[in-house]
């Protein structure tokens, strides 16, 4: 399943970390259309789709350049089968994606385009998340980063949504339960857009605690409100933390400390999956949240501490969004760097935003609107959790 690598300092220590990456991910073709467009652009120079292959490719480039990937165990992805995908997606949807893939490509639903042959790449993305779960649960690695593409957390059972074709993290979670007998799973989604597909999949399921931190009512519209808490047996196991624009590092980390941490401790998951979209970053064109590298390092470090406490360090990170071509790859690389840890005497990757990253107001203080959003989320969750 895995190909072990060592660095110049010898074999991996007590905390090996896996990496799923495949060059074929970079062939997923979203075309030139922007969100909602159905006609060619009128401009002389075409406008690239925001979900560009350069985002994942540059993240891997930075991980190579800074020696991060050299310290990770390489995990080969596999193609998700129909049986794997049918844990959530409908047969009609799989047939539709296959038809588009065999032809000229097209939109798999609502703003989730792919080119010819795209079904294979989308299955490789879901299968990459599954392979990361296999490696973690087999004990080959303690944690793993699935640097996959296309992303998944918006994809619904019967359609692609928001650049996402198959719901990678849903498929991976069900795989962990069906194949490995895992009971309780935490899915933490820090993508700036709400993980509507993941919420839908586990809406009535008490075996999965889904926590989403996202910009309030950004995308998709009407999803992710604080009072969306699940139903039936799953009531209280959907936790939405909608945050105002400009929340920044201090607000995100406060939400982790005051809401995420106590809930995860009480739920006591056996495995943690993270839908890691780096689009809350300070330069992202599709959001306005002002999180810098320090914020992503802080979120990752908190999740690692919770995993050590609750489930033997078992974390699988699945790549989601992040659209600032010059900045989002640094955020992903910083997450991976935190996951593997700094080598003795090494300095962390410099923030390309420069000193301003730490002097931004939301890097130094929690805004009143953010404080109020956290309090609203806490008030809602007190019906279900001791917070």
Protein backbone atom coordinates (compact mmCIF):
# COMPACT_ATOMS: atom_id res chain seq x y z
CA UNK A 1 0.00 0.00 0.00
CA UNK A 2 2.74 2.46 0.90
CA UNK A 3 6.26 3.32 -0.16
CA UNK A 4 8.31 4.40 2.86
CA UNK A 5 10.89 7.13 2.55
CA UNK A 6 13.54 8.38 4.94
CA UNK A 7 15.31 11.70 5.19
CA UNK A 8 18.97 12.46 5.81
CA UNK A 9 18.45 12.01 9.53
CA UNK A 10 17.42 8.36 9.26
CA UNK A 11 14.14 6.50 9.53
CA UNK A 12 10.86 8.04 10.52
CA UNK A 13 10.34 8.49 14.21
CA UNK A 14 7.24 7.82 16.28
CA UNK A 15 4.97 10.02 14.17
CA UNK A 16 5.19 9.06 10.49
CA UNK A 17 2.86 11.04 8.23
CA UNK A 18 1.54 9.90 4.86
CA UNK A 19 1.05 11.85 1.65
CA UNK A 20 -1.36 11.02 -1.16
CA UNK A 21 -0.55 12.84 -4.39
CA UNK A 22 -0.71 11.88 -8.04
CA UNK A 23 0.17 13.90 -11.13
CA UNK A 24 -3.12 12.81 -12.68
CA UNK A 25 -4.92 15.13 -10.24
CA UNK A 26 -3.47 18.02 -12.23
CA UNK A 27 -5.28 16.86 -15.37
CA UNK A 28 -8.74 17.51 -13.92
CA UNK A 29 -10.04 20.12 -16.36
CA UNK A 30 -12.49 22.74 -15.09
CA UNK A 31 -12.26 24.75 -18.32
CA UNK A 32 -12.50 28.51 -18.54
CA UNK A 33 -16.05 29.17 -17.35
CA UNK A 34 -16.47 31.01 -14.06
CA UNK A 35 -19.18 30.21 -11.55
CA UNK A 36 -22.61 30.30 -13.15
CA UNK A 37 -21.42 31.23 -16.64
CA UNK A 38 -22.90 29.30 -19.54
CA UNK A 39 -21.45 31.31 -22.46
CA UNK A 40 -17.83 31.93 -23.52
CA UNK A 41 -16.20 34.96 -21.97
CA UNK A 42 -16.34 38.12 -24.11
CA UNK A 43 -12.76 39.04 -23.25
CA UNK A 44 -9.88 38.84 -25.70
CA UNK A 45 -7.88 36.96 -23.07
CA UNK A 46 -9.81 34.06 -21.49
CA UNK A 47 -10.28 33.99 -17.73
CA UNK A 48 -9.14 30.80 -16.02
CA UNK A 49 -11.51 28.89 -13.77
CA UNK A 50 -10.74 29.59 -10.09
CA UNK A 51 -10.31 25.86 -9.36
CA UNK A 52 -7.05 25.63 -11.24
CA UNK A 53 -4.57 22.73 -11.20
CA UNK A 54 -1.84 25.17 -10.23
CA UNK A 55 -3.26 25.42 -6.70
CA UNK A 56 -2.63 21.79 -5.75
CA UNK A 57 0.44 21.62 -7.98
CA UNK A 58 2.05 24.62 -6.29
CA UNK A 59 1.28 23.23 -2.84
CA UNK A 60 3.14 20.05 -3.75
CA UNK A 61 5.94 22.16 -5.24
CA UNK A 62 6.35 24.04 -1.95
CA UNK A 63 6.23 20.80 0.05
CA UNK A 64 9.04 19.46 -2.15
CA UNK A 65 11.04 22.68 -2.08
CA UNK A 66 11.01 22.86 1.72
CA UNK A 67 11.72 19.15 2.22
CA UNK A 68 8.32 18.44 3.74
CA UNK A 69 7.32 15.71 1.30
CA UNK A 70 10.73 14.03 1.75
CA UNK A 71 9.72 13.34 5.34
CA UNK A 72 6.38 11.77 4.44
CA UNK A 73 5.41 8.23 3.52
CA UNK A 74 4.04 8.17 -0.02
CA UNK A 75 0.63 6.51 -0.34
CA UNK A 76 -0.65 5.50 -3.77
CA UNK A 77 -4.26 6.47 -4.47
CA UNK A 78 -6.68 4.01 -6.02
CA UNK A 79 -9.78 4.39 -8.13
CA UNK A 80 -13.01 4.47 -6.13
CA UNK A 81 -15.41 1.82 -7.40
CA UNK A 82 -19.14 2.13 -7.91
CA UNK A 83 -19.61 0.27 -4.63
CA UNK A 84 -17.39 2.80 -2.84
CA UNK A 85 -19.28 5.78 -4.25
CA UNK A 86 -22.76 4.35 -3.79
CA UNK A 87 -22.44 4.73 -0.02
CA UNK A 88 -23.69 8.25 -0.74
CA UNK A 89 -24.07 8.97 -4.44
CA UNK A 90 -26.99 7.69 -6.51
CA UNK A 91 -26.68 5.25 -9.43
CA UNK A 92 -28.22 7.82 -11.77
CA UNK A 93 -25.58 10.35 -10.81
CA UNK A 94 -22.72 7.92 -11.40
CA UNK A 95 -24.18 7.18 -14.83
CA UNK A 96 -24.45 10.90 -15.62
CA UNK A 97 -20.82 11.55 -14.68
CA UNK A 98 -19.72 8.54 -16.73
CA UNK A 99 -21.63 9.82 -19.77
CA UNK A 100 -20.11 13.29 -19.49
CA UNK A 101 -16.67 11.77 -19.03
CA UNK A 102 -17.02 9.62 -22.15
CA UNK A 103 -18.08 12.65 -24.19
CA UNK A 104 -16.98 16.26 -24.21
CA UNK A 105 -17.30 16.75 -20.47
CA UNK A 106 -19.54 19.37 -18.91
CA UNK A 107 -21.14 20.45 -15.67
CA UNK A 108 -21.86 17.53 -13.36
CA UNK A 109 -24.52 19.52 -11.55
CA UNK A 110 -24.29 23.06 -10.23
CA UNK A 111 -20.95 24.67 -11.00
CA UNK A 112 -18.90 21.47 -10.92
CA UNK A 113 -17.42 21.16 -14.42
CA UNK A 114 -15.04 18.51 -15.68
CA UNK A 115 -13.43 17.69 -19.00
CA UNK A 116 -13.34 14.47 -21.03
CA UNK A 117 -12.12 11.58 -18.90
CA UNK A 118 -12.91 13.49 -15.71
CA UNK A 119 -14.75 10.61 -14.05
CA UNK A 120 -11.51 8.69 -13.67
CA UNK A 121 -9.77 11.63 -12.00
CA UNK A 122 -12.72 12.26 -9.66
CA UNK A 123 -12.69 8.59 -8.67
CA UNK A 124 -8.95 8.82 -8.08
CA UNK A 125 -9.58 11.80 -5.79
CA UNK A 126 -12.16 9.92 -3.69
CA UNK A 127 -9.92 6.85 -3.79
CA UNK A 128 -7.00 8.95 -2.59
CA UNK A 129 -8.91 9.91 0.54
CA UNK A 130 -9.83 6.25 1.04
CA UNK A 131 -6.19 5.17 0.62
CA UNK A 132 -5.16 7.70 3.26
CA UNK A 133 -7.76 6.23 5.64
CA UNK A 134 -6.47 2.71 4.93
CA UNK A 135 -2.89 3.69 5.71
CA UNK A 136 -3.82 5.44 8.96
CA UNK A 137 -6.10 2.69 10.22
CA UNK A 138 -3.63 -0.05 9.25
CA UNK A 139 -1.00 1.72 11.34
CA UNK A 140 1.33 2.33 8.38
CA UNK A 141 1.19 6.02 9.23
CA UNK A 142 -0.28 7.91 12.13
CA UNK A 143 -1.74 10.71 10.03
CA UNK A 144 -2.04 11.43 6.31
CA UNK A 145 -2.56 14.34 3.94
CA UNK A 146 -4.60 13.54 0.84
CA UNK A 147 -3.54 16.32 -1.53
CA UNK A 148 -6.26 15.44 -4.02
CA UNK A 149 -8.25 17.11 -6.76
CA UNK A 150 -11.14 17.69 -7.54
CA UNK A 151 -12.41 18.62 -4.07
CA UNK A 152 -15.52 17.03 -2.61
CA UNK A 153 -17.36 18.59 0.31
CA UNK A 154 -20.06 20.37 -1.75
CA UNK A 155 -21.01 17.31 -3.82
CA UNK A 156 -24.53 16.06 -3.12
CA UNK A 157 -25.82 12.52 -3.55
CA UNK A 158 -27.30 13.25 -6.97
CA UNK A 159 -25.18 16.10 -8.36
CA UNK A 160 -21.88 17.87 -8.30
CA UNK A 161 -21.82 21.29 -6.68
CA UNK A 162 -19.25 24.07 -6.39
CA UNK A 163 -16.28 22.45 -8.19
CA UNK A 164 -16.88 19.13 -6.35
CA UNK A 165 -17.75 15.96 -8.29
CA UNK A 166 -17.73 13.16 -5.67
CA UNK A 167 -17.81 13.78 -1.94
CA UNK A 168 -14.36 12.52 -1.02
CA UNK A 169 -14.64 12.87 2.76
CA UNK A 170 -18.08 11.22 2.92
CA UNK A 171 -16.83 8.27 0.88
CA UNK A 172 -13.71 8.03 3.06
CA UNK A 173 -15.72 8.14 6.29
CA UNK A 174 -18.09 5.40 5.16
CA UNK A 175 -15.10 3.37 3.99
CA UNK A 176 -13.57 3.64 7.46
CA UNK A 177 -16.81 2.39 9.01
CA UNK A 178 -17.61 -0.37 6.51
CA UNK A 179 -14.12 -1.74 5.93
CA UNK A 180 -12.31 -1.03 9.19
CA UNK A 181 -15.16 -1.14 11.68
CA UNK A 182 -14.59 2.39 12.94
CA UNK A 183 -17.45 3.59 15.12
CA UNK A 184 -17.37 7.34 15.78
CA UNK A 185 -15.79 9.76 13.31
CA UNK A 186 -15.25 13.49 13.54
CA UNK A 187 -15.34 15.47 10.29
CA UNK A 188 -13.97 18.97 10.84
CA UNK A 189 -14.47 21.27 7.85
CA UNK A 190 -12.53 24.54 7.90
CA UNK A 191 -13.11 25.38 4.23
CA UNK A 192 -14.52 28.91 4.03
CA UNK A 193 -17.58 27.59 2.18
CA UNK A 194 -20.04 25.37 3.98
CA UNK A 195 -19.70 21.61 3.43
CA UNK A 196 -23.32 21.13 2.41
CA UNK A 197 -22.83 17.66 0.91
CA UNK A 198 -21.14 16.37 4.04
CA UNK A 199 -23.86 17.82 6.23
CA UNK A 200 -26.52 16.20 4.06
CA UNK A 201 -24.83 12.79 4.20
CA UNK A 202 -24.72 12.65 8.01
CA UNK A 203 -27.78 14.74 8.90
CA UNK A 204 -29.46 11.86 10.74
CA UNK A 205 -26.33 9.95 11.78
CA UNK A 206 -25.06 10.04 15.36
CA UNK A 207 -21.89 8.11 14.49
CA UNK A 208 -20.40 11.16 12.72
CA UNK A 209 -19.89 14.54 14.34
CA UNK A 210 -19.73 17.13 11.56
CA UNK A 211 -18.33 20.53 12.54
CA UNK A 212 -18.10 23.30 9.95
CA UNK A 213 -16.44 26.70 10.37
CA UNK A 214 -17.27 28.92 7.39
CA UNK A 215 -18.03 32.44 6.28
CA UNK A 216 -21.66 33.12 7.11
CA UNK A 217 -24.07 32.44 4.23
CA UNK A 218 -21.38 32.67 1.58
CA UNK A 219 -21.86 29.45 -0.41
CA UNK A 220 -24.07 27.56 -0.91
CA UNK A 221 -26.87 29.97 -0.04
CA UNK A 222 -29.01 28.94 2.97
CA UNK A 223 -26.64 26.18 4.08
CA UNK A 224 -24.66 26.24 7.32
CA UNK A 225 -26.86 28.35 9.57
CA UNK A 226 -26.19 27.99 13.28
CA UNK A 227 -29.58 26.37 13.90
CA UNK A 228 -28.95 23.53 11.42
CA UNK A 229 -28.09 20.86 14.00
CA UNK A 230 -29.13 17.55 12.44
CA UNK A 231 -32.32 15.52 12.81
CA UNK A 232 -33.62 12.36 14.47
CA UNK A 233 -30.75 10.29 15.87
CA UNK A 234 -28.27 12.79 14.45
CA UNK A 235 -29.72 15.82 16.22
CA UNK A 236 -26.83 17.68 17.84
CA UNK A 237 -24.20 15.95 15.68
CA UNK A 238 -24.19 18.69 13.04
CA UNK A 239 -22.40 21.77 14.37
CA UNK A 240 -22.31 24.91 12.27
CA UNK A 241 -20.13 27.84 13.24
CA UNK A 242 -20.88 30.59 10.70
CA UNK A 243 -18.40 33.44 11.10
CA UNK A 244 -18.47 37.01 9.77
CA UNK A 245 -16.20 38.28 7.04
CA UNK A 246 -12.82 39.41 8.35
CA UNK A 247 -12.80 36.97 11.28
CA UNK A 248 -9.07 36.26 10.90
CA UNK A 249 -6.70 34.18 13.00
CA UNK A 250 -7.84 35.25 16.45
CA UNK A 251 -11.51 34.58 15.73
CA UNK A 252 -10.90 31.18 14.16
CA UNK A 253 -8.65 30.02 16.97
CA UNK A 254 -11.12 31.29 19.58
CA UNK A 255 -13.85 29.23 17.90
CA UNK A 256 -11.56 26.19 18.05
CA UNK A 257 -10.74 26.73 21.72
CA UNK A 258 -14.26 27.53 22.90
CA UNK A 259 -16.41 25.30 20.69
CA UNK A 260 -14.48 22.71 18.69
CA UNK A 261 -12.17 21.46 21.44
CA UNK A 262 -14.79 20.77 24.13
CA UNK A 263 -17.17 19.13 21.64
CA UNK A 264 -14.51 16.84 20.22
CA UNK A 265 -13.42 15.79 23.69
CA UNK A 266 -16.99 14.89 24.63
CA UNK A 267 -17.64 13.05 21.36
CA UNK A 268 -14.34 11.10 21.64
CA UNK A 269 -13.92 10.10 17.98
CA UNK A 270 -11.96 7.08 16.86
CA UNK A 271 -10.79 8.86 13.71
CA UNK A 272 -10.60 12.51 12.65
CA UNK A 273 -11.13 13.63 9.06
CA UNK A 274 -10.43 17.23 8.10
CA UNK A 275 -11.93 18.88 5.02
CA UNK A 276 -9.07 21.30 4.58
CA UNK A 277 -10.00 24.12 2.25
CA UNK A 278 -7.47 26.94 2.51
CA UNK A 279 -9.84 29.55 1.07
CA UNK A 280 -10.29 31.47 4.33
CA UNK A 281 -6.83 32.86 3.55
CA UNK A 282 -6.09 36.56 3.55
CA UNK A 283 -5.74 36.81 -0.24
CA UNK A 284 -8.53 34.52 -1.44
CA UNK A 285 -10.70 35.93 -4.26
CA UNK A 286 -13.78 33.90 -3.25
CA UNK A 287 -13.99 34.86 0.44
CA UNK A 288 -13.10 37.57 2.93
CA UNK A 289 -11.80 35.92 6.11
CA UNK A 290 -8.16 37.16 6.43
CA UNK A 291 -6.60 33.97 7.86
CA UNK A 292 -2.80 33.80 7.47
CA UNK A 293 -0.28 30.97 7.69
CA UNK A 294 -0.18 31.36 11.47
CA UNK A 295 -3.93 30.72 11.63
CA UNK A 296 -3.70 27.52 9.62
CA UNK A 297 -0.78 26.32 11.73
CA UNK A 298 -2.81 27.04 14.86
CA UNK A 299 -5.87 25.14 13.62
CA UNK A 300 -3.76 22.16 12.54
CA UNK A 301 -1.86 22.07 15.84
CA UNK A 302 -5.11 22.09 17.81
CA UNK A 303 -6.52 19.22 15.76
CA UNK A 304 -3.32 17.22 16.22
CA UNK A 305 -3.52 17.71 20.00
CA UNK A 306 -7.15 16.55 19.99
CA UNK A 307 -6.26 13.53 17.88
CA UNK A 308 -3.46 12.60 20.29
CA UNK A 309 -5.90 12.90 23.17
CA UNK A 310 -8.87 11.11 21.60
CA UNK A 311 -7.80 8.66 18.92
CA UNK A 312 -4.11 7.88 18.96
CA UNK A 313 -3.25 10.75 16.62
CA UNK A 314 -5.27 9.33 13.73
CA UNK A 315 -6.00 12.20 11.33
CA UNK A 316 -6.72 12.22 7.59
CA UNK A 317 -6.67 15.57 5.82
CA UNK A 318 -8.52 15.83 2.52
CA UNK A 319 -7.79 18.83 0.33
CA UNK A 320 -10.76 21.04 -0.51
CA UNK A 321 -10.68 24.66 -1.78
CA UNK A 322 -8.28 27.60 -1.73
CA UNK A 323 -8.11 29.92 -4.76
CA UNK A 324 -5.42 32.56 -4.19
CA UNK A 325 -2.82 31.25 -6.61
CA UNK A 326 0.04 33.09 -4.89
CA UNK A 327 -1.03 32.35 -1.30
CA UNK A 328 -3.29 29.30 -0.86
CA UNK A 329 -0.47 26.85 -1.75
CA UNK A 330 1.58 28.29 1.12
CA UNK A 331 -1.33 27.63 3.48
CA UNK A 332 -1.54 23.99 2.41
CA UNK A 333 2.23 23.61 2.74
CA UNK A 334 2.10 25.17 6.22
CA UNK A 335 -0.60 22.67 7.24
CA UNK A 336 1.59 19.80 6.01
CA UNK A 337 4.64 21.29 7.72
CA UNK A 338 2.76 21.44 11.02
CA UNK A 339 1.59 17.87 10.55
CA UNK A 340 5.12 16.48 10.11
CA UNK A 341 6.72 18.90 12.58
CA UNK A 342 9.78 21.08 12.11
CA UNK A 343 13.17 19.41 12.11
CA UNK A 344 15.58 20.52 14.80
CA UNK A 345 16.84 24.02 14.10
CA UNK A 346 14.61 24.52 11.06
CA UNK A 347 12.55 27.66 10.55
CA UNK A 348 8.93 27.50 9.38
CA UNK A 349 7.98 28.58 5.88
CA UNK A 350 7.89 32.37 5.69
CA UNK A 351 4.49 33.95 5.21
CA UNK A 352 4.51 35.56 1.73
CA UNK A 353 2.16 38.25 3.07
CA UNK A 354 5.13 39.50 5.07
CA UNK A 355 5.11 41.19 8.52
CA UNK A 356 1.66 42.57 7.80
CA UNK A 357 0.28 39.05 8.33
CA UNK A 358 0.72 39.39 12.09
CA UNK A 359 -0.17 43.09 12.35
CA UNK A 360 -3.55 42.76 10.65
CA UNK A 361 -6.31 43.73 13.11
CA UNK A 362 -7.99 40.27 12.98
CA UNK A 363 -4.61 38.66 13.67
CA UNK A 364 -4.39 40.65 16.91
CA UNK A 365 -7.95 40.86 18.25
CA UNK A 366 -11.39 39.27 18.01
CA UNK A 367 -13.95 41.60 16.47
CA UNK A 368 -17.27 42.23 18.17
CA UNK A 369 -19.24 40.62 15.33
CA UNK A 370 -17.04 37.52 15.58
CA UNK A 371 -17.51 37.40 19.34
CA UNK A 372 -21.26 37.54 18.85
CA UNK A 373 -21.13 34.75 16.23
CA UNK A 374 -19.20 32.49 18.61
CA UNK A 375 -21.68 33.21 21.39
CA UNK A 376 -24.61 32.35 19.10
CA UNK A 377 -22.98 29.05 18.20
CA UNK A 378 -22.30 28.28 21.87
CA UNK A 379 -25.88 29.10 22.84
CA UNK A 380 -27.16 26.68 20.20
CA UNK A 381 -24.81 23.87 21.15
CA UNK A 382 -25.57 24.07 24.89
CA UNK A 383 -28.73 22.12 24.15
CA UNK A 384 -26.54 19.16 23.21
CA UNK A 385 -23.06 19.61 24.70
CA UNK A 386 -21.40 20.93 27.85
CA UNK A 387 -19.92 24.16 26.54
